[in-house]
PDB file of N, CA and C in Angstrom:
ATOM      1  N   ARG A   1       0.666  -1.202  -0.090  1.00  0.00           N
ATOM      2  CA  ARG A   1      -0.015   0.049  -0.031  1.00  0.00           C
ATOM      3  C   ARG A   1       0.903   1.220  -0.091  1.00  0.00           C
ATOM      4  N   GLN A   2       2.001   1.245   0.859  1.00  0.00           N
ATOM      5  CA  GLN A   2       2.980   2.208   0.819  1.00  0.00           C
ATOM      6  C   GLN A   2       3.467   2.676  -0.483  1.00  0.00           C
ATOM      7  N   VAL A   3       3.832   1.628  -1.367  1.00  0.00           N
ATOM      8  CA  VAL A   3       4.434   1.949  -2.613  1.00  0.00           C
ATOM      9  C   VAL A   3       3.196   2.479  -3.603  1.00  0.00           C
ATOM     10  N   LYS A   4       2.133   1.974  -3.497  1.00  0.00           N
ATOM     11  CA  LYS A   4       1.058   2.387  -4.151  1.00  0.00           C
ATOM     12  C   LYS A   4       0.862   3.984  -4.051  1.00  0.00           C
ATOM     13  N   SER A   5       0.646   4.333  -2.646  1.00  0.00           N
ATOM     14  CA  SER A   5       0.367   5.630  -2.203  1.00  0.00           C
ATOM     15  C   SER A   5       1.477   6.486  -2.704  1.00  0.00           C
ATOM     16  N   GLN A   6       2.884   6.187  -2.585  1.00  0.00           N
ATOM     17  CA  GLN A   6       3.821   7.149  -3.057  1.00  0.00           C
ATOM     18  C   GLN A   6       3.964   7.249  -4.616  1.00  0.00           C
ATOM     19  N   ALA A   7       3.483   6.277  -5.325  1.00  0.00           N
ATOM     20  CA  ALA A   7       3.509   6.491  -6.806  1.00  0.00           C
ATOM     21  C   ALA A   7       2.294   7.243  -7.028  1.00  0.00           C
ATOM     22  N   GLU A   8       1.182   7.057  -6.366  1.00  0.00           N
ATOM     23  CA  GLU A   8       0.090   7.965  -6.635  1.00  0.00           C
ATOM     24  C   GLU A   8       0.303   9.617  -6.267  1.00  0.00           C
ATOM     25  N   ASN A   9       1.078   9.664  -5.225  1.00  0.00           N
ATOM     26  CA  ASN A   9       1.509  10.981  -4.865  1.00  0.00           C
ATOM     27  C   ASN A   9       2.219  11.730  -6.010  1.00  0.00           C
ATOM     28  N   GLU A  10       3.426  10.791  -6.687  1.00  0.00           N
ATOM     29  CA  GLU A  10       4.060  11.279  -7.685  1.00  0.00           C
ATOM     30  C   GLU A  10       3.377  11.591  -8.903  1.00  0.00           C
ATOM     31  N   LEU A  11       2.549  10.792  -9.331  1.00  0.00           N
ATOM     32  CA  LEU A  11       1.723  10.990 -10.301  1.00  0.00           C
ATOM     33  C   LEU A  11       0.810  12.300 -10.440  1.00  0.00           C
ATOM     34  N   ASN A  12       0.313  12.318  -9.083  1.00  0.00           N
ATOM     35  CA  ASN A  12      -0.500  13.614  -8.846  1.00  0.00           C
ATOM     36  C   ASN A  12      -0.063  14.761  -9.363  1.00  0.00           C
ATOM     37  N   LYS A  13       1.317  14.841  -9.244  1.00  0.00           N
ATOM     38  CA  LYS A  13       2.000  16.196  -9.525  1.00  0.00           C
ATOM     39  C   LYS A  13       1.971  16.457 -10.983  1.00  0.00           C
ATOM     40  N   THR A  14       1.626  15.732 -11.821  1.00  0.00           N
ATOM     41  CA  THR A  14       1.563  15.771 -13.240  1.00  0.00           C
ATOM     42  C   THR A  14       0.173  15.384 -13.850  1.00  0.00           C
ATOM     43  N   ASP A  15      -0.937  15.092 -13.135  1.00  0.00           N
ATOM     44  CA  ASP A  15      -1.952  14.867 -13.638  1.00  0.00           C
ATOM     45  C   ASP A  15      -2.718  16.111 -14.395  1.00  0.00           C
ATOM     46  N   TRP A  16      -2.363  17.220 -13.993  1.00  0.00           N
ATOM     47  CA  TRP A  16      -2.986  18.207 -14.941  1.00  0.00           C
ATOM     48  C   TRP A  16      -2.611  18.279 -16.110  1.00  0.00           C
ATOM     49  N   TYR A  17      -1.368  17.825 -16.527  1.00  0.00           N
ATOM     50  CA  TYR A  17      -1.128  17.648 -17.966  1.00  0.00           C
ATOM     51  C   TYR A  17      -2.150  16.505 -18.670  1.00  0.00           C
ATOM     52  N   VAL A  18      -2.494  15.563 -18.229  1.00  0.00           N
ATOM     53  CA  VAL A  18      -3.423  14.617 -18.605  1.00  0.00           C
ATOM     54  C   VAL A  18      -4.876  15.166 -18.797  1.00  0.00           C
ATOM     55  N   VAL A  19      -5.132  15.952 -17.693  1.00  0.00           N
ATOM     56  CA  VAL A  19      -6.547  16.591 -17.800  1.00  0.00           C
ATOM     57  C   VAL A  19      -6.586  17.839 -18.924  1.00  0.00           C
ATOM     58  N   ARG A  20      -5.446  18.463 -18.942  1.00  0.00           N
ATOM     59  CA  ARG A  20      -5.192  19.404 -20.163  1.00  0.00           C
ATOM     60  C   ARG A  20      -5.431  18.846 -21.400  1.00  0.00           C
ATOM     61  N   LYS A  21      -4.587  17.641 -21.707  1.00  0.00           N
ATOM     62  CA  LYS A  21      -4.760  17.057 -22.777  1.00  0.00           C
ATOM     63  C   LYS A  21      -6.173  16.429 -23.214  1.00  0.00           C
ATOM     64  N   ALA A  22      -6.991  15.954 -22.175  1.00  0.00           N
ATOM     65  CA  ALA A  22      -8.052  15.706 -22.237  1.00  0.00           C
ATOM     66  C   ALA A  22      -9.220  16.855 -22.567  1.00  0.00           C
ATOM     67  N   GLU A  23      -9.162  17.752 -22.101  1.00  0.00           N
ATOM     68  CA  GLU A  23     -10.181  18.820 -22.051  1.00  0.00           C
ATOM     69  C   GLU A  23      -9.580  19.772 -23.280  1.00  0.00           C
ATOM     70  N   GLU A  24      -8.464  20.155 -23.564  1.00  0.00           N
ATOM     71  CA  GLU A  24      -8.074  21.015 -24.588  1.00  0.00           C
ATOM     72  C   GLU A  24      -7.238  20.543 -25.711  1.00  0.00           C
ATOM     73  N   ASP A  25      -7.027  19.258 -25.476  1.00  0.00           N
ATOM     74  CA  ASP A  25      -6.136  18.550 -26.560  1.00  0.00           C
ATOM     75  C   ASP A  25      -4.754  19.293 -26.846  1.00  0.00           C
ATOM     76  N   ILE A  26      -4.022  19.681 -25.754  1.00  0.00           N
ATOM     77  CA  ILE A  26      -2.828  20.290 -25.731  1.00  0.00           C
ATOM     78  C   ILE A  26      -1.968  19.230 -25.332  1.00  0.00           C
ATOM     79  N   ALA A  27      -0.769  18.890 -26.038  1.00  0.00           N
ATOM     80  CA  ALA A  27       0.058  17.654 -26.150  1.00  0.00           C
ATOM     81  C   ALA A  27       0.609  17.784 -24.648  1.00  0.00           C
ATOM     82  N   ILE A  28       0.988  16.680 -24.191  1.00  0.00           N
ATOM     83  CA  ILE A  28       1.500  16.308 -22.860  1.00  0.00           C
ATOM     84  C   ILE A  28       3.092  16.256 -23.275  1.00  0.00           C
ATOM     85  N   PRO A  29       3.920  17.074 -22.619  1.00  0.00           N
ATOM     86  CA  PRO A  29       5.345  17.022 -23.127  1.00  0.00           C
ATOM     87  C   PRO A  29       6.030  15.470 -22.762  1.00  0.00           C
ATOM     88  N   SER A  30       7.064  15.217 -23.679  1.00  0.00           N
ATOM     89  CA  SER A  30       7.516  13.888 -23.605  1.00  0.00           C
ATOM     90  C   SER A  30       8.401  13.650 -22.523  1.00  0.00           C
ATOM     91  N   THR A  31       8.823  14.602 -21.789  1.00  0.00           N
ATOM     92  CA  THR A  31       9.384  14.426 -20.409  1.00  0.00           C
ATOM     93  C   THR A  31       8.579  13.856 -19.152  1.00  0.00           C
ATOM     94  N   ILE A  32       7.220  14.316 -19.334  1.00  0.00           N
ATOM     95  CA  ILE A  32       6.334  14.072 -18.512  1.00  0.00           C
ATOM     96  C   ILE A  32       5.707  12.821 -18.823  1.00  0.00           C
ATOM     97  N   THR A  33       5.336  12.229 -19.980  1.00  0.00           N
ATOM     98  CA  THR A  33       4.891  10.918 -20.439  1.00  0.00           C
ATOM     99  C   THR A  33       6.123   9.840 -19.942  1.00  0.00           C
ATOM    100  N   THR A  34       7.355  10.502 -20.464  1.00  0.00           N
ATOM    101  CA  THR A  34       8.386   9.476 -19.842  1.00  0.00           C
ATOM    102  C   THR A  34       8.505   9.229 -18.297  1.00  0.00           C
ATOM    103  N   HIS A  35       8.424  10.265 -17.837  1.00  0.00           N
ATOM    104  CA  HIS A  35       8.343  10.336 -16.208  1.00  0.00           C
ATOM    105  C   HIS A  35       7.244   9.422 -15.746  1.00  0.00           C
ATOM    106  N   ARG A  36       6.105   9.737 -16.063  1.00  0.00           N
ATOM    107  CA  ARG A  36       4.874   8.765 -15.688  1.00  0.00           C
ATOM    108  C   ARG A  36       5.252   7.398 -15.947  1.00  0.00           C
ATOM    109  N   LYS A  37       5.480   7.146 -16.984  1.00  0.00           N
ATOM    110  CA  LYS A  37       5.902   5.455 -17.413  1.00  0.00           C
ATOM    111  C   LYS A  37       6.946   5.126 -16.585  1.00  0.00           C
ATOM    112  N   ALA A  38       7.882   5.663 -16.248  1.00  0.00           N
ATOM    113  CA  ALA A  38       8.975   5.325 -15.246  1.00  0.00           C
ATOM    114  C   ALA A  38       8.566   5.131 -14.067  1.00  0.00           C
ATOM    115  N   VAL A  39       7.706   5.994 -13.368  1.00  0.00           N
ATOM    116  CA  VAL A  39       6.876   5.747 -12.127  1.00  0.00           C
ATOM    117  C   VAL A  39       6.187   4.473 -12.117  1.00  0.00           C
ATOM    118  N   ARG A  40       5.409   4.386 -12.987  1.00  0.00           N
ATOM    119  CA  ARG A  40       4.618   3.195 -13.208  1.00  0.00           C
ATOM    120  C   ARG A  40       5.437   2.002 -13.325  1.00  0.00           C
ATOM    121  N   THR A  41       6.472   1.760 -13.888  1.00  0.00           N
ATOM    122  CA  THR A  41       7.390   0.893 -14.224  1.00  0.00           C
ATOM    123  C   THR A  41       8.076   0.318 -12.940  1.00  0.00           C
ATOM    124  N   LYS A  42       8.661   1.596 -12.180  1.00  0.00           N
ATOM    125  CA  LYS A  42       9.443   1.134 -10.851  1.00  0.00           C
ATOM    126  C   LYS A  42       8.375   0.613  -9.868  1.00  0.00           C
ATOM    127  N   GLN A  43       7.113   1.356  -9.972  1.00  0.00           N
ATOM    128  CA  GLN A  43       6.099   0.873  -8.913  1.00  0.00           C
ATOM    129  C   GLN A  43       5.935  -0.816  -9.115  1.00  0.00           C
ATOM    130  N   ALA A  44       5.809  -1.150 -10.447  1.00  0.00           N
ATOM    131  CA  ALA A  44       5.630  -2.482 -10.587  1.00  0.00           C
ATOM    132  C   ALA A  44       6.715  -3.424 -10.109  1.00  0.00           C
ATOM    133  N   GLU A  45       7.945  -2.914 -10.539  1.00  0.00           N
ATOM    134  CA  GLU A  45       9.270  -3.756 -10.009  1.00  0.00           C
ATOM    135  C   GLU A  45       9.209  -3.640  -8.491  1.00  0.00           C
ATOM    136  N   MET A  46       8.990  -2.769  -7.799  1.00  0.00           N
ATOM    137  CA  MET A  46       8.759  -2.662  -6.252  1.00  0.00           C
ATOM    138  C   MET A  46       7.823  -3.577  -5.799  1.00  0.00           C
ATOM    139  N   GLU A  47       6.525  -3.654  -6.303  1.00  0.00           N
ATOM    140  CA  GLU A  47       5.803  -4.447  -5.856  1.00  0.00           C
ATOM    141  C   GLU A  47       5.902  -5.814  -5.866  1.00  0.00           C
ATOM    142  N   THR A  48       6.613  -6.400  -7.231  1.00  0.00           N
ATOM    143  CA  THR A  48       6.951  -7.604  -7.137  1.00  0.00           C
ATOM    144  C   THR A  48       8.010  -8.061  -6.220  1.00  0.00           C
ATOM    145  N   ALA A  49       9.057  -7.267  -6.127  1.00  0.00           N
ATOM    146  CA  ALA A  49      10.067  -7.510  -5.038  1.00  0.00           C
ATOM    147  C   ALA A  49       9.558  -7.995  -3.681  1.00  0.00           C
ATOM    148  N   ILE A  50       8.548  -6.893  -3.297  1.00  0.00           N
ATOM    149  CA  ILE A  50       7.686  -6.970  -2.137  1.00  0.00           C
ATOM    150  C   ILE A  50       7.055  -8.337  -2.084  1.00  0.00           C
ATOM    151  N   THR A  51       6.323  -8.613  -2.940  1.00  0.00           N
ATOM    152  CA  THR A  51       5.623  -9.698  -3.017  1.00  0.00           C
ATOM    153  C   THR A  51       6.409 -11.058  -2.997  1.00  0.00           C
ATOM    154  N   ASN A  52       7.663 -11.101  -3.859  1.00  0.00           N
ATOM    155  CA  ASN A  52       8.504 -12.167  -3.856  1.00  0.00           C
ATOM    156  C   ASN A  52       9.238 -12.421  -2.523  1.00  0.00           C
ATOM    157  N   ALA A  53       9.237 -11.524  -1.667  1.00  0.00           N
ATOM    158  CA  ALA A  53      10.152 -11.765  -0.366  1.00  0.00           C
ATOM    159  C   ALA A  53       9.566 -12.861   0.292  1.00  0.00           C
ATOM    160  N   SER A  54      10.299 -13.849   0.540  1.00  0.00           N
ATOM    161  CA  SER A  54      10.028 -15.112   0.996  1.00  0.00           C
ATOM    162  C   SER A  54       9.485 -15.081   2.704  1.00  0.00           C
ATOM    163  N   ASP A  55      10.256 -13.967   3.416  1.00  0.00           N
ATOM    164  CA  ASP A  55       9.591 -13.918   4.751  1.00  0.00           C
ATOM    165  C   ASP A  55      10.044 -12.489   5.086  1.00  0.00           C
ATOM    166  N   THR A  56       9.849 -12.288   6.432  1.00  0.00           N
ATOM    167  CA  THR A  56       9.771 -10.912   7.117  1.00  0.00           C
ATOM    168  C   THR A  56      11.496 -10.499   7.108  1.00  0.00           C
ATOM    169  N   PRO A  57      12.484 -11.310   7.281  1.00  0.00           N
ATOM    170  CA  PRO A  57      13.767 -10.971   7.180  1.00  0.00           C
ATOM    171  C   PRO A  57      14.038 -10.465   5.568  1.00  0.00           C
ATOM    172  N   ALA A  58      13.610 -11.161   4.818  1.00  0.00           N
ATOM    173  CA  ALA A  58      13.871 -10.884   3.156  1.00  0.00           C
ATOM    174  C   ALA A  58      13.189  -9.459   2.915  1.00  0.00           C
ATOM    175  N   LEU A  59      11.967  -9.283   3.573  1.00  0.00           N
ATOM    176  CA  LEU A  59      11.232  -8.040   3.286  1.00  0.00           C
ATOM    177  C   LEU A  59      12.227  -6.847   4.064  1.00  0.00           C
ATOM    178  N   GLU A  60      12.465  -7.196   5.257  1.00  0.00           N
ATOM    179  CA  GLU A  60      13.557  -6.016   5.739  1.00  0.00           C
ATOM    180  C   GLU A  60      14.649  -5.662   5.058  1.00  0.00           C
ATOM    181  N   THR A  61      15.330  -6.688   4.410  1.00  0.00           N
ATOM    182  CA  THR A  61      16.394  -6.564   3.630  1.00  0.00           C
ATOM    183  C   THR A  61      16.104  -5.501   2.456  1.00  0.00           C
ATOM    184  N   LEU A  62      14.899  -5.614   2.058  1.00  0.00           N
ATOM    185  CA  LEU A  62      14.528  -4.682   0.664  1.00  0.00           C
ATOM    186  C   LEU A  62      14.515  -3.121   1.231  1.00  0.00           C
ATOM    187  N   TYR A  63      14.325  -2.948   2.483  1.00  0.00           N
ATOM    188  CA  TYR A  63      14.293  -1.630   2.955  1.00  0.00           C
ATOM    189  C   TYR A  63      15.542  -1.208   3.690  1.00  0.00           C
ATOM    190  N   THR A  64      16.747  -1.938   3.711  1.00  0.00           N
ATOM    191  CA  THR A  64      17.815  -1.706   4.407  1.00  0.00           C
ATOM    192  C   THR A  64      18.615  -0.749   3.537  1.00  0.00           C
ATOM    193  N   TYR A  65      18.935   0.428   3.918  1.00  0.00           N
ATOM    194  CA  TYR A  65      19.802   1.169   3.228  1.00  0.00           C
ATOM    195  C   TYR A  65      21.263   0.902   3.600  1.00  0.00           C
ATOM    196  N   THR A  66      22.230   0.887   2.585  1.00  0.00           N
ATOM    197  CA  THR A  66      23.478   0.624   2.729  1.00  0.00           C
ATOM    198  C   THR A  66      24.370   1.641   1.930  1.00  0.00           C
ATOM    199  N   GLU A  67      25.476   2.073   2.636  1.00  0.00           N
ATOM    200  CA  GLU A  67      26.405   2.944   1.783  1.00  0.00           C
ATOM    201  C   GLU A  67      27.177   2.459   0.791  1.00  0.00           C
ATOM    202  N   GLN A  68      27.176   2.774  -0.497  1.00  0.00           N
ATOM    203  CA  GLN A  68      27.848   2.435  -1.589  1.00  0.00           C
ATOM    204  C   GLN A  68      29.403   2.968  -1.635  1.00  0.00           C
ATOM    205  N   GLU A  69      30.141   2.452  -2.513  1.00  0.00           N
ATOM    206  CA  GLU A  69      31.625   2.739  -2.504  1.00  0.00           C
ATOM    207  C   GLU A  69      31.791   4.278  -2.834  1.00  0.00           C
ATOM    208  N   ASP A  70      30.884   4.760  -3.618  1.00  0.00           N
ATOM    209  CA  ASP A  70      30.708   6.171  -4.114  1.00  0.00           C
ATOM    210  C   ASP A  70      30.222   7.172  -2.956  1.00  0.00           C
ATOM    211  N   GLY A  71      29.771   6.509  -1.649  1.00  0.00           N
ATOM    212  CA  GLY A  71      29.160   7.549  -0.552  1.00  0.00           C
ATOM    213  C   GLY A  71      27.752   7.674  -0.862  1.00  0.00           C
ATOM    214  N   SER A  72      27.020   7.148  -1.757  1.00  0.00           N
ATOM    215  CA  SER A  72      25.766   7.288  -1.961  1.00  0.00           C
ATOM    216  C   SER A  72      24.868   6.194  -1.031  1.00  0.00           C
ATOM    217  N   VAL A  73      23.725   6.397  -0.682  1.00  0.00           N
ATOM    218  CA  VAL A  73      23.035   5.394   0.245  1.00  0.00           C
ATOM    219  C   VAL A  73      21.830   5.053  -0.570  1.00  0.00           C
ATOM    220  N   THR A  74      21.794   3.645  -0.677  1.00  0.00           N
ATOM    221  CA  THR A  74      20.820   2.908  -1.434  1.00  0.00           C
ATOM    222  C   THR A  74      20.044   1.856  -0.798  1.00  0.00           C
ATOM    223  N   ARG A  75      19.151   1.226  -1.252  1.00  0.00           N
ATOM    224  CA  ARG A  75      18.549   0.227  -0.704  1.00  0.00           C
ATOM    225  C   ARG A  75      17.997  -0.637  -1.923  1.00  0.00           C
ATOM    226  N   PRO A  76      18.057  -1.965  -1.648  1.00  0.00           N
ATOM    227  CA  PRO A  76      17.736  -2.849  -2.838  1.00  0.00           C
ATOM    228  C   PRO A  76      16.310  -2.669  -3.574  1.00  0.00           C
ATOM    229  N   LEU A  77      15.201  -2.217  -2.677  1.00  0.00           N
ATOM    230  CA  LEU A  77      13.919  -1.845  -3.107  1.00  0.00           C
ATOM    231  C   LEU A  77      14.081  -0.652  -4.092  1.00  0.00           C
ATOM    232  N   GLY A  78      15.005   0.139  -4.138  1.00  0.00           N
ATOM    233  CA  GLY A  78      15.124   1.218  -4.741  1.00  0.00           C
ATOM    234  C   GLY A  78      14.032   2.269  -4.321  1.00  0.00           C
ATOM    235  N   LYS A  79      13.785   3.428  -5.162  1.00  0.00           N
ATOM    236  CA  LYS A  79      13.060   4.618  -4.901  1.00  0.00           C
ATOM    237  C   LYS A  79      12.179   4.845  -6.229  1.00  0.00           C
ATOM    238  N   LEU A  80      11.096   5.232  -6.039  1.00  0.00           N
ATOM    239  CA  LEU A  80      10.350   5.903  -7.060  1.00  0.00           C
ATOM    240  C   LEU A  80      11.022   7.114  -7.714  1.00  0.00           C
ATOM    241  N   PRO A  81      11.173   7.201  -9.045  1.00  0.00           N
ATOM    242  CA  PRO A  81      11.642   8.434  -9.710  1.00  0.00           C
ATOM    243  C   PRO A  81      10.689   9.662  -9.270  1.00  0.00           C
ATOM    244  N   THR A  82      11.479  10.722  -9.250  1.00  0.00           N
ATOM    245  CA  THR A  82      10.615  12.190  -9.006  1.00  0.00           C
ATOM    246  C   THR A  82      11.206  12.995 -10.154  1.00  0.00           C
ATOM    247  N   LEU A  83      10.269  14.072 -10.311  1.00  0.00           N
ATOM    248  CA  LEU A  83      10.721  14.943 -11.307  1.00  0.00           C
ATOM    249  C   LEU A  83      11.804  15.829 -10.887  1.00  0.00           C
ATOM    250  N   GLU A  84      12.075  15.691  -9.674  1.00  0.00           N
ATOM    251  CA  GLU A  84      13.376  16.552  -9.186  1.00  0.00           C
ATOM    252  C   GLU A  84      14.643  15.738  -9.398  1.00  0.00           C
ATOM    253  N   ASP A  85      14.511  14.606  -9.492  1.00  0.00           N
ATOM    254  CA  ASP A  85      15.900  13.733  -9.743  1.00  0.00           C
ATOM    255  C   ASP A  85      16.605  14.104 -11.171  1.00  0.00           C
TER     256      ASP A  85
END
């Protein structure tokens, strides 16, 4: 549910482009459609990983952040793309 909610919140930021396209037939910028597809794709990947977790420790591992060699911090589950990325 949390991943669905996060994806919904991210998509809500650009819903007005879809409404404008439906109401006024003004094209949606390709960067927006690409972003919306990326959010949905990552959401599906994350939901699959969560569903496939065999037990609670496996699920916890998906959410565990670790520092990478370059100093960045990531988790196996990843994160949804944002327009700010």
